[in-house]
N, C-alpha and C. Protein backbone atom coordinates (compact mmCIF):
# COMPACT_ATOMS: atom_id res chain seq x y z
N UNK A 1 0.85 -1.18 0.00
CA UNK A 1 0.00 0.00 0.00
C UNK A 1 0.88 1.24 0.00
N UNK A 2 0.53 2.20 -0.79
CA UNK A 2 1.35 3.41 -0.92
C UNK A 2 1.05 4.42 0.18
N UNK A 3 1.99 5.30 0.38
CA UNK A 3 1.87 6.34 1.41
C UNK A 3 0.60 7.17 1.23
N UNK A 4 0.26 7.48 -0.02
CA UNK A 4 -0.92 8.30 -0.29
C UNK A 4 -2.18 7.65 0.27
N UNK A 5 -2.25 6.33 0.20
CA UNK A 5 -3.41 5.62 0.72
C UNK A 5 -3.47 5.68 2.25
N UNK A 6 -2.32 5.62 2.88
CA UNK A 6 -2.27 5.76 4.35
C UNK A 6 -2.72 7.16 4.78
N UNK A 7 -2.22 8.16 4.09
CA UNK A 7 -2.60 9.55 4.42
C UNK A 7 -4.10 9.74 4.21
N UNK A 8 -4.59 9.27 3.07
CA UNK A 8 -6.02 9.37 2.79
C UNK A 8 -6.83 8.62 3.84
N UNK A 9 -6.40 7.43 4.19
CA UNK A 9 -7.09 6.65 5.22
C UNK A 9 -7.11 7.35 6.56
N UNK A 10 -5.98 7.97 6.94
CA UNK A 10 -5.92 8.71 8.20
C UNK A 10 -6.86 9.91 8.17
N UNK A 11 -6.89 10.62 7.04
CA UNK A 11 -7.80 11.76 6.88
C UNK A 11 -9.25 11.31 7.07
N UNK A 12 -9.61 10.24 6.37
CA UNK A 12 -10.99 9.76 6.45
C UNK A 12 -11.31 9.25 7.86
N UNK A 13 -10.40 8.53 8.48
CA UNK A 13 -10.64 8.02 9.83
C UNK A 13 -10.85 9.17 10.81
N UNK A 14 -10.03 10.22 10.68
CA UNK A 14 -10.17 11.38 11.57
C UNK A 14 -11.57 11.98 11.44
N UNK A 15 -12.02 12.21 10.21
CA UNK A 15 -13.33 12.86 10.03
C UNK A 15 -14.50 11.92 10.33
N UNK A 16 -14.34 10.63 10.11
CA UNK A 16 -15.40 9.69 10.51
C UNK A 16 -15.57 9.72 12.03
N UNK A 17 -14.45 9.69 12.76
CA UNK A 17 -14.50 9.74 14.22
C UNK A 17 -15.06 11.08 14.69
N UNK A 18 -14.58 12.18 14.11
CA UNK A 18 -15.05 13.51 14.52
C UNK A 18 -16.54 13.67 14.29
N UNK A 19 -17.00 13.38 13.08
CA UNK A 19 -18.42 13.53 12.76
C UNK A 19 -19.25 12.55 13.59
N UNK A 20 -18.74 11.34 13.77
CA UNK A 20 -19.44 10.37 14.61
C UNK A 20 -19.64 10.88 16.02
N UNK A 21 -18.57 11.42 16.62
CA UNK A 21 -18.68 11.96 17.98
C UNK A 21 -19.63 13.14 18.05
N UNK A 22 -19.63 13.98 17.01
CA UNK A 22 -20.54 15.13 16.99
C UNK A 22 -21.98 14.67 17.09
N UNK A 23 -22.34 13.62 16.35
CA UNK A 23 -23.73 13.18 16.35
C UNK A 23 -24.06 12.20 17.47
N UNK A 24 -23.08 11.49 18.00
CA UNK A 24 -23.33 10.56 19.10
C UNK A 24 -23.51 11.31 20.42
N UNK A 25 -22.81 12.40 20.59
CA UNK A 25 -22.83 13.13 21.86
C UNK A 25 -24.24 13.49 22.34
N UNK A 26 -25.09 14.12 21.53
CA UNK A 26 -26.42 14.44 22.06
C UNK A 26 -27.27 13.19 22.38
N UNK A 27 -27.06 12.11 21.62
CA UNK A 27 -27.78 10.88 21.94
C UNK A 27 -27.33 10.34 23.29
N UNK A 28 -26.03 10.40 23.56
CA UNK A 28 -25.52 9.97 24.87
C UNK A 28 -26.06 10.85 25.99
N UNK A 29 -26.28 12.13 25.70
CA UNK A 29 -26.75 13.07 26.72
C UNK A 29 -28.13 12.72 27.26
N UNK A 30 -28.91 11.97 26.49
CA UNK A 30 -30.22 11.56 26.98
C UNK A 30 -30.12 10.68 28.22
N UNK A 31 -29.03 9.90 28.34
CA UNK A 31 -28.91 8.95 29.45
C UNK A 31 -27.63 9.08 30.28
N UNK A 32 -26.67 9.91 29.83
CA UNK A 32 -25.38 9.96 30.51
C UNK A 32 -24.92 11.41 30.69
N UNK A 33 -23.99 11.58 31.62
CA UNK A 33 -23.33 12.87 31.79
C UNK A 33 -22.20 12.96 30.77
N UNK A 34 -22.34 13.84 29.80
CA UNK A 34 -21.33 13.97 28.74
C UNK A 34 -20.74 15.38 28.70
N UNK A 35 -20.68 16.02 29.86
CA UNK A 35 -20.08 17.36 29.92
C UNK A 35 -18.67 17.36 29.35
N UNK A 36 -17.92 16.30 29.56
CA UNK A 36 -16.54 16.23 29.07
C UNK A 36 -16.50 16.31 27.54
N UNK A 37 -17.48 15.74 26.85
CA UNK A 37 -17.51 15.84 25.39
C UNK A 37 -17.86 17.26 24.95
N UNK A 38 -18.84 17.87 25.61
CA UNK A 38 -19.18 19.25 25.29
C UNK A 38 -18.01 20.18 25.57
N UNK A 39 -17.28 19.93 26.68
CA UNK A 39 -16.10 20.73 26.99
C UNK A 39 -15.02 20.56 25.92
N UNK A 40 -14.82 19.33 25.45
CA UNK A 40 -13.81 19.07 24.42
C UNK A 40 -14.17 19.80 23.12
N UNK A 41 -15.41 19.69 22.69
CA UNK A 41 -15.83 20.39 21.47
C UNK A 41 -15.85 21.91 21.68
N UNK A 42 -16.02 22.34 22.92
CA UNK A 42 -16.00 23.77 23.22
C UNK A 42 -14.65 24.43 22.99
N UNK A 43 -13.60 23.62 22.84
CA UNK A 43 -12.28 24.18 22.55
C UNK A 43 -12.18 24.70 21.13
N UNK A 44 -13.07 24.25 20.24
CA UNK A 44 -13.00 24.67 18.84
C UNK A 44 -14.27 25.37 18.36
N UNK A 45 -15.30 25.45 19.19
CA UNK A 45 -16.58 26.01 18.75
C UNK A 45 -17.21 26.82 19.88
N UNK A 46 -17.87 27.90 19.53
CA UNK A 46 -18.54 28.74 20.53
C UNK A 46 -19.76 28.06 21.13
N UNK A 47 -20.38 27.14 20.43
CA UNK A 47 -21.53 26.35 20.89
C UNK A 47 -22.73 27.21 21.30
N UNK A 48 -22.91 28.34 20.67
CA UNK A 48 -24.04 29.21 21.03
C UNK A 48 -25.35 28.53 20.71
N UNK A 49 -26.28 28.58 21.65
CA UNK A 49 -27.54 27.86 21.56
C UNK A 49 -28.34 28.25 20.31
N UNK A 50 -28.46 29.53 20.02
CA UNK A 50 -29.29 29.95 18.89
C UNK A 50 -28.62 29.68 17.55
N UNK A 51 -27.36 29.27 17.56
CA UNK A 51 -26.64 28.96 16.32
C UNK A 51 -26.34 27.47 16.22
N UNK A 52 -27.10 26.68 16.98
CA UNK A 52 -26.87 25.24 17.04
C UNK A 52 -28.14 24.48 16.68
N UNK A 53 -27.93 23.21 16.37
CA UNK A 53 -29.03 22.28 16.14
C UNK A 53 -29.12 21.34 17.32
N UNK A 54 -30.30 20.79 17.55
CA UNK A 54 -30.52 19.86 18.65
C UNK A 54 -31.06 18.55 18.12
N UNK A 55 -30.72 17.47 18.81
CA UNK A 55 -31.36 16.18 18.56
C UNK A 55 -32.56 16.12 19.49
N UNK A 56 -33.74 16.02 18.89
CA UNK A 56 -34.99 16.02 19.65
C UNK A 56 -35.54 14.60 19.72
N UNK A 57 -36.36 14.35 20.72
CA UNK A 57 -36.98 13.04 20.87
C UNK A 57 -38.33 13.17 21.56
N UNK A 58 -39.29 12.40 21.08
CA UNK A 58 -40.51 12.17 21.83
C UNK A 58 -40.46 10.70 22.24
N UNK A 59 -41.53 10.14 22.64
CA UNK A 59 -41.46 8.75 23.10
C UNK A 59 -41.23 7.75 21.96
N UNK A 60 -41.39 8.18 20.70
CA UNK A 60 -41.30 7.25 19.57
C UNK A 60 -40.12 7.44 18.64
N UNK A 61 -39.58 8.65 18.53
CA UNK A 61 -38.59 8.91 17.48
C UNK A 61 -37.61 10.01 17.86
N UNK A 62 -36.58 10.14 17.01
CA UNK A 62 -35.58 11.19 17.13
C UNK A 62 -35.59 12.01 15.85
N UNK A 63 -35.24 13.29 15.95
CA UNK A 63 -35.08 14.14 14.78
C UNK A 63 -34.15 15.29 15.13
N UNK A 64 -33.61 15.93 14.10
CA UNK A 64 -32.74 17.09 14.29
C UNK A 64 -33.52 18.33 13.93
N UNK A 65 -33.43 19.34 14.79
CA UNK A 65 -34.16 20.60 14.58
C UNK A 65 -33.35 21.75 15.18
N UNK A 66 -33.76 22.96 14.86
CA UNK A 66 -33.15 24.14 15.47
C UNK A 66 -33.40 24.12 16.97
N UNK A 67 -32.40 24.50 17.75
CA UNK A 67 -32.56 24.55 19.20
C UNK A 67 -33.49 25.68 19.62
N UNK A 68 -33.42 26.77 18.90
CA UNK A 68 -34.27 27.93 19.18
C UNK A 68 -34.92 28.38 17.88
N UNK A 69 -36.01 29.11 17.95
CA UNK A 69 -36.62 29.61 16.71
C UNK A 69 -35.62 30.48 15.93
N UNK A 70 -35.59 30.30 14.62
CA UNK A 70 -34.67 31.06 13.77
C UNK A 70 -35.41 32.29 13.24
N UNK A 71 -35.52 33.29 14.12
CA UNK A 71 -36.27 34.50 13.77
C UNK A 71 -35.37 35.72 13.59
N UNK A 72 -34.10 35.51 13.38
CA UNK A 72 -33.19 36.62 13.15
C UNK A 72 -32.67 37.28 14.41
N UNK A 73 -32.91 36.69 15.57
CA UNK A 73 -32.43 37.26 16.82
C UNK A 73 -31.52 36.27 17.53
N UNK A 74 -30.45 36.80 18.07
CA UNK A 74 -29.51 35.98 18.83
C UNK A 74 -30.11 35.70 20.20
N UNK A 75 -30.09 34.43 20.61
CA UNK A 75 -30.58 34.04 21.92
C UNK A 75 -29.37 33.67 22.76
N UNK A 76 -29.15 34.42 23.84
CA UNK A 76 -28.00 34.14 24.69
C UNK A 76 -28.34 33.03 25.66
N UNK A 77 -27.54 31.97 25.62
CA UNK A 77 -27.70 30.87 26.56
C UNK A 77 -26.78 31.08 27.75
N UNK A 78 -27.26 30.76 28.92
CA UNK A 78 -26.44 30.95 30.12
C UNK A 78 -25.31 29.94 30.20
N UNK A 79 -25.50 28.77 29.59
CA UNK A 79 -24.48 27.73 29.66
C UNK A 79 -24.31 27.11 28.28
N UNK A 80 -23.97 27.91 27.30
CA UNK A 80 -23.87 27.44 25.92
C UNK A 80 -22.96 26.24 25.77
N UNK A 81 -21.94 26.11 26.59
CA UNK A 81 -20.95 25.03 26.42
C UNK A 81 -21.31 23.77 27.19
N UNK A 82 -22.54 23.63 27.58
CA UNK A 82 -22.99 22.44 28.31
C UNK A 82 -24.07 21.73 27.51
N UNK A 83 -24.41 20.48 27.91
CA UNK A 83 -25.47 19.75 27.19
C UNK A 83 -26.84 20.35 27.49
N UNK A 84 -27.19 21.37 26.77
CA UNK A 84 -28.43 22.10 27.02
C UNK A 84 -29.62 21.23 26.63
N UNK A 85 -30.61 21.21 27.51
CA UNK A 85 -31.84 20.48 27.27
C UNK A 85 -32.88 21.46 26.74
N UNK A 86 -33.53 21.09 25.66
CA UNK A 86 -34.61 21.88 25.09
C UNK A 86 -35.86 21.02 25.16
N UNK A 87 -36.99 21.60 25.59
CA UNK A 87 -38.19 20.78 25.70
C UNK A 87 -39.43 21.58 25.32
N UNK A 88 -40.50 20.86 25.05
CA UNK A 88 -41.78 21.47 24.74
C UNK A 88 -42.68 20.52 23.97
N UNK A 89 -43.98 20.64 24.17
CA UNK A 89 -44.99 19.86 23.45
C UNK A 89 -44.69 18.36 23.43
N UNK A 90 -44.26 17.80 24.54
CA UNK A 90 -44.04 16.36 24.64
C UNK A 90 -42.71 15.87 24.10
N UNK A 91 -41.76 16.76 23.81
CA UNK A 91 -40.47 16.32 23.33
C UNK A 91 -39.37 16.93 24.17
N UNK A 92 -38.20 16.32 24.07
CA UNK A 92 -37.01 16.83 24.75
C UNK A 92 -35.86 16.74 23.75
N UNK A 93 -34.88 17.60 23.90
CA UNK A 93 -33.75 17.56 22.99
C UNK A 93 -32.47 17.98 23.65
N UNK A 94 -31.35 17.57 23.04
CA UNK A 94 -30.03 17.98 23.51
C UNK A 94 -29.27 18.59 22.35
N UNK A 95 -28.56 19.65 22.67
CA UNK A 95 -27.80 20.40 21.67
C UNK A 95 -26.66 19.55 21.11
N UNK A 96 -26.47 19.62 19.79
CA UNK A 96 -25.31 19.02 19.16
C UNK A 96 -24.11 19.86 19.60
N UNK A 97 -22.96 19.25 19.91
CA UNK A 97 -21.88 19.98 20.58
C UNK A 97 -21.09 20.98 19.73
N UNK A 98 -21.42 21.13 18.47
CA UNK A 98 -20.82 22.18 17.65
C UNK A 98 -21.95 22.94 16.95
N UNK A 99 -21.68 24.14 16.53
CA UNK A 99 -22.70 24.97 15.89
C UNK A 99 -23.04 24.43 14.50
N UNK A 100 -24.11 24.95 13.93
CA UNK A 100 -24.57 24.50 12.61
C UNK A 100 -23.50 24.72 11.54
N UNK A 101 -22.78 25.83 11.59
CA UNK A 101 -21.73 26.10 10.59
C UNK A 101 -20.63 25.04 10.66
N UNK A 102 -20.23 24.67 11.87
CA UNK A 102 -19.20 23.64 12.03
C UNK A 102 -19.71 22.27 11.58
N UNK A 103 -20.98 21.97 11.83
CA UNK A 103 -21.55 20.71 11.34
C UNK A 103 -21.42 20.66 9.82
N UNK A 104 -21.84 21.74 9.15
CA UNK A 104 -21.72 21.80 7.69
C UNK A 104 -20.29 21.62 7.23
N UNK A 105 -19.36 22.28 7.91
CA UNK A 105 -17.95 22.21 7.55
C UNK A 105 -17.39 20.79 7.72
N UNK A 106 -17.59 20.19 8.89
CA UNK A 106 -17.00 18.88 9.17
C UNK A 106 -17.65 17.76 8.35
N UNK A 107 -18.97 17.79 8.22
CA UNK A 107 -19.64 16.76 7.42
C UNK A 107 -19.22 16.89 5.96
N UNK A 108 -19.11 18.12 5.46
CA UNK A 108 -18.69 18.33 4.07
C UNK A 108 -17.24 17.92 3.86
N UNK A 109 -16.38 18.12 4.85
CA UNK A 109 -15.00 17.67 4.71
C UNK A 109 -14.94 16.14 4.65
N UNK A 110 -15.82 15.48 5.38
CA UNK A 110 -15.92 14.02 5.29
C UNK A 110 -16.45 13.60 3.92
N UNK A 111 -17.51 14.24 3.46
CA UNK A 111 -18.08 13.90 2.15
C UNK A 111 -17.10 14.24 1.02
N UNK A 112 -16.42 15.39 1.14
CA UNK A 112 -15.42 15.75 0.15
C UNK A 112 -14.29 14.74 0.10
N UNK A 113 -13.90 14.23 1.27
CA UNK A 113 -12.89 13.19 1.31
C UNK A 113 -13.39 11.90 0.67
N UNK A 114 -14.66 11.59 0.88
CA UNK A 114 -15.22 10.37 0.30
C UNK A 114 -15.26 10.43 -1.23
N UNK A 115 -15.50 11.61 -1.78
CA UNK A 115 -15.55 11.71 -3.25
C UNK A 115 -14.18 11.98 -3.86
N UNK A 116 -13.20 12.27 -3.02
CA UNK A 116 -11.86 12.61 -3.51
C UNK A 116 -11.30 11.58 -4.49
N UNK A 117 -11.32 10.28 -4.16
CA UNK A 117 -10.75 9.30 -5.10
C UNK A 117 -11.54 9.19 -6.41
N UNK A 118 -12.77 9.65 -6.41
CA UNK A 118 -13.59 9.62 -7.63
C UNK A 118 -13.20 10.76 -8.56
N UNK A 119 -12.86 11.92 -7.99
CA UNK A 119 -12.58 13.09 -8.82
C UNK A 119 -11.09 13.32 -9.07
N UNK A 120 -10.22 12.64 -8.30
CA UNK A 120 -8.78 12.81 -8.48
C UNK A 120 -8.05 11.49 -8.36
N UNK A 121 -6.98 11.38 -9.06
CA UNK A 121 -6.11 10.22 -8.93
C UNK A 121 -5.37 10.34 -7.60
N UNK A 122 -5.32 9.27 -6.84
CA UNK A 122 -4.67 9.30 -5.52
C UNK A 122 -3.19 9.64 -5.60
N UNK A 123 -2.56 9.38 -6.73
CA UNK A 123 -1.13 9.68 -6.89
C UNK A 123 -0.89 11.15 -7.25
N UNK A 124 -1.93 11.85 -7.65
CA UNK A 124 -1.80 13.24 -8.08
C UNK A 124 -1.74 14.15 -6.84
N UNK A 125 -0.56 14.69 -6.57
CA UNK A 125 -0.38 15.55 -5.40
C UNK A 125 -0.32 17.04 -5.76
N UNK A 126 -0.64 17.34 -7.02
CA UNK A 126 -0.63 18.76 -7.43
C UNK A 126 -1.76 19.51 -6.74
N UNK A 127 -1.52 20.77 -6.50
CA UNK A 127 -2.52 21.62 -5.86
C UNK A 127 -3.27 22.42 -6.92
N UNK A 128 -4.57 22.54 -6.73
CA UNK A 128 -5.36 23.43 -7.58
C UNK A 128 -5.00 24.87 -7.23
N UNK A 129 -5.22 25.82 -8.14
CA UNK A 129 -4.97 27.22 -7.79
C UNK A 129 -5.77 27.62 -6.55
N UNK A 130 -5.15 28.35 -5.67
CA UNK A 130 -5.75 28.71 -4.38
C UNK A 130 -6.99 29.60 -4.55
N UNK A 131 -7.17 30.21 -5.70
CA UNK A 131 -8.32 31.07 -5.92
C UNK A 131 -9.62 30.31 -5.74
N UNK A 132 -9.65 29.02 -6.09
CA UNK A 132 -10.88 28.23 -5.92
C UNK A 132 -11.22 28.05 -4.44
N UNK A 133 -10.22 27.84 -3.62
CA UNK A 133 -10.45 27.73 -2.19
C UNK A 133 -10.94 29.06 -1.62
N UNK A 134 -10.32 30.14 -2.05
CA UNK A 134 -10.75 31.45 -1.58
C UNK A 134 -12.18 31.75 -2.00
N UNK A 135 -12.54 31.41 -3.22
CA UNK A 135 -13.92 31.63 -3.68
C UNK A 135 -14.92 30.80 -2.87
N UNK A 136 -14.54 29.59 -2.52
CA UNK A 136 -15.42 28.74 -1.72
C UNK A 136 -15.59 29.27 -0.30
N UNK A 137 -14.63 30.05 0.16
CA UNK A 137 -14.70 30.60 1.51
C UNK A 137 -15.46 31.93 1.57
N UNK A 138 -15.74 32.54 0.42
CA UNK A 138 -16.44 33.82 0.40
C UNK A 138 -17.81 33.74 1.08
N UNK A 139 -18.66 32.74 0.77
CA UNK A 139 -19.97 32.71 1.45
C UNK A 139 -19.89 32.59 2.96
N UNK A 140 -19.01 31.73 3.47
CA UNK A 140 -18.88 31.57 4.91
C UNK A 140 -18.30 32.83 5.56
N UNK A 141 -17.37 33.47 4.85
CA UNK A 141 -16.76 34.69 5.38
C UNK A 141 -17.78 35.84 5.42
N UNK A 142 -18.57 35.95 4.37
CA UNK A 142 -19.59 37.01 4.36
C UNK A 142 -20.64 36.78 5.44
N UNK A 143 -21.17 35.56 5.50
CA UNK A 143 -22.21 35.26 6.48
C UNK A 143 -21.69 35.45 7.90
N UNK A 144 -20.57 34.82 8.22
CA UNK A 144 -20.01 34.94 9.56
C UNK A 144 -19.48 36.33 9.86
N UNK A 145 -18.86 36.96 8.86
CA UNK A 145 -18.30 38.30 9.07
C UNK A 145 -19.36 39.36 9.32
N UNK A 146 -20.41 39.35 8.52
CA UNK A 146 -21.50 40.33 8.72
C UNK A 146 -22.17 40.08 10.06
N UNK A 147 -22.37 38.82 10.40
CA UNK A 147 -22.97 38.50 11.70
C UNK A 147 -22.08 38.99 12.83
N UNK A 148 -20.75 38.80 12.70
CA UNK A 148 -19.82 39.22 13.75
C UNK A 148 -19.84 40.73 13.93
N UNK A 149 -19.75 41.48 12.83
CA UNK A 149 -19.73 42.95 12.99
C UNK A 149 -21.08 43.47 13.46
N UNK A 150 -22.14 42.75 13.14
CA UNK A 150 -23.46 43.12 13.66
C UNK A 150 -23.53 42.87 15.16
N UNK A 151 -23.04 41.69 15.61
CA UNK A 151 -23.01 41.37 17.05
C UNK A 151 -22.17 42.37 17.83
N UNK A 152 -21.07 42.81 17.23
CA UNK A 152 -20.16 43.74 17.91
C UNK A 152 -20.67 45.17 17.92
N UNK A 153 -21.73 45.43 17.16
CA UNK A 153 -22.31 46.77 17.13
C UNK A 153 -21.59 47.73 16.22
N UNK A 154 -20.80 47.21 15.26
CA UNK A 154 -20.06 48.07 14.34
C UNK A 154 -20.92 48.61 13.20
N UNK A 155 -22.11 48.07 13.04
CA UNK A 155 -23.01 48.53 11.98
C UNK A 155 -24.35 48.91 12.59
N UNK A 156 -25.11 49.70 11.85
CA UNK A 156 -26.38 50.22 12.38
C UNK A 156 -27.52 49.21 12.27
N UNK A 157 -27.26 48.02 11.74
CA UNK A 157 -28.32 47.02 11.60
C UNK A 157 -27.91 45.74 12.33
N UNK A 158 -28.91 44.92 12.59
CA UNK A 158 -28.64 43.64 13.24
C UNK A 158 -28.84 42.54 12.21
N UNK A 159 -27.86 41.63 12.14
CA UNK A 159 -27.96 40.50 11.23
C UNK A 159 -27.67 39.23 12.00
N UNK A 160 -28.61 38.33 12.01
CA UNK A 160 -28.42 37.01 12.59
C UNK A 160 -28.76 36.00 11.51
N UNK A 161 -27.78 35.23 11.12
CA UNK A 161 -27.95 34.21 10.09
C UNK A 161 -28.90 33.12 10.60
N UNK A 162 -29.29 32.22 9.71
CA UNK A 162 -30.09 31.06 10.13
C UNK A 162 -29.22 29.81 10.09
N UNK A 163 -29.66 28.79 10.77
CA UNK A 163 -28.89 27.55 10.79
C UNK A 163 -28.79 26.92 9.41
N UNK A 164 -29.82 27.07 8.59
CA UNK A 164 -29.75 26.54 7.24
C UNK A 164 -28.65 27.22 6.43
N UNK A 165 -28.56 28.54 6.53
CA UNK A 165 -27.50 29.28 5.82
C UNK A 165 -26.14 28.88 6.37
N UNK A 166 -26.04 28.71 7.68
CA UNK A 166 -24.77 28.28 8.29
C UNK A 166 -24.35 26.91 7.78
N UNK A 167 -25.30 25.98 7.69
CA UNK A 167 -25.00 24.64 7.17
C UNK A 167 -24.51 24.71 5.73
N UNK A 168 -25.18 25.50 4.91
CA UNK A 168 -24.83 25.59 3.48
C UNK A 168 -23.46 26.24 3.29
N UNK A 169 -23.22 27.36 3.96
CA UNK A 169 -21.93 28.04 3.78
C UNK A 169 -20.78 27.20 4.34
N UNK A 170 -21.01 26.52 5.47
CA UNK A 170 -20.00 25.61 6.00
C UNK A 170 -19.77 24.45 5.07
N UNK A 171 -20.83 23.95 4.46
CA UNK A 171 -20.72 22.83 3.53
C UNK A 171 -19.93 23.17 2.29
N UNK A 172 -20.16 24.34 1.73
CA UNK A 172 -19.41 24.77 0.54
C UNK A 172 -17.92 24.83 0.86
N UNK A 173 -17.59 25.48 1.96
CA UNK A 173 -16.18 25.60 2.35
C UNK A 173 -15.57 24.23 2.67
N UNK A 174 -16.35 23.36 3.30
CA UNK A 174 -15.83 22.06 3.71
C UNK A 174 -15.49 21.13 2.56
N UNK A 175 -16.37 21.07 1.56
CA UNK A 175 -16.10 20.19 0.41
C UNK A 175 -14.84 20.64 -0.30
N UNK A 176 -14.74 21.93 -0.56
CA UNK A 176 -13.57 22.44 -1.29
C UNK A 176 -12.31 22.32 -0.43
N UNK A 177 -12.43 22.57 0.87
CA UNK A 177 -11.25 22.46 1.75
C UNK A 177 -10.68 21.05 1.73
N UNK A 178 -11.53 20.05 1.64
CA UNK A 178 -11.02 18.67 1.62
C UNK A 178 -10.23 18.39 0.35
N UNK A 179 -10.63 19.00 -0.76
CA UNK A 179 -9.92 18.80 -2.03
C UNK A 179 -8.52 19.43 -1.96
N UNK A 180 -8.34 20.40 -1.07
CA UNK A 180 -7.02 21.01 -0.86
C UNK A 180 -6.25 20.32 0.27
N UNK A 181 -6.95 19.94 1.34
CA UNK A 181 -6.27 19.39 2.51
C UNK A 181 -5.59 18.06 2.22
N UNK A 182 -6.25 17.22 1.45
CA UNK A 182 -5.68 15.89 1.19
C UNK A 182 -4.36 15.98 0.43
N UNK A 183 -4.26 16.74 -0.67
CA UNK A 183 -2.94 16.85 -1.33
C UNK A 183 -1.88 17.52 -0.44
N UNK A 184 -2.29 18.48 0.37
CA UNK A 184 -1.33 19.11 1.28
C UNK A 184 -0.75 18.06 2.23
N UNK A 185 -1.63 17.23 2.80
CA UNK A 185 -1.16 16.18 3.71
C UNK A 185 -0.28 15.18 2.98
N UNK A 186 -0.66 14.83 1.76
CA UNK A 186 0.15 13.89 0.99
C UNK A 186 1.53 14.47 0.69
N UNK A 187 1.60 15.75 0.36
CA UNK A 187 2.89 16.40 0.10
C UNK A 187 3.73 16.50 1.37
N UNK A 188 3.07 16.63 2.52
CA UNK A 188 3.80 16.72 3.79
C UNK A 188 4.40 15.38 4.20
N UNK A 189 3.65 14.30 3.99
CA UNK A 189 4.06 13.02 4.54
C UNK A 189 4.57 12.01 3.53
N UNK A 190 4.34 12.23 2.27
CA UNK A 190 4.74 11.23 1.25
C UNK A 190 5.83 11.80 0.35
N UNK A 191 6.95 11.15 0.37
CA UNK A 191 8.06 11.54 -0.49
C UNK A 191 8.19 10.49 -1.58
N UNK A 192 8.38 10.93 -2.80
CA UNK A 192 8.52 9.98 -3.92
C UNK A 192 9.84 9.31 -3.96
């Protein structure tokens, strides 16, 4: 087996474990204390309640939904970095430990890695022009940047993105980032 396959396998294993933990954590929260997982994910994500998705459950099923209504207003949670319980109308839910934008980014990096061998030869370590990566980052930068300057009070208007927009912009950046990350890793670790 060639070095490129080991690097690719390590990349995929990392994102399978990461995405798996992201989605397993709220399910574990229904029956266990998983503060340590929320704390670990809190090192890389703000985990704000109104910018997150929750795994909801009634007595019969599970589903993923917005933790708070997406009405364009930021909802400050007192303990955003903890397994927040959301309830109402016979259901209960636990927050996914990363925000919607990070879910889009990480899941898309996993999916981008999965399609990588279909769109590129594993031996091809050449890099695409960086302009494509920059263009893919424009939507996430605009959405997050405008939201940030709005939160900071630097503009006369308030802008709060929705979780759907966060998922989409994170997804665009994530798929393209994986097409760049894999050759970078191969160039770092594989010598011909």
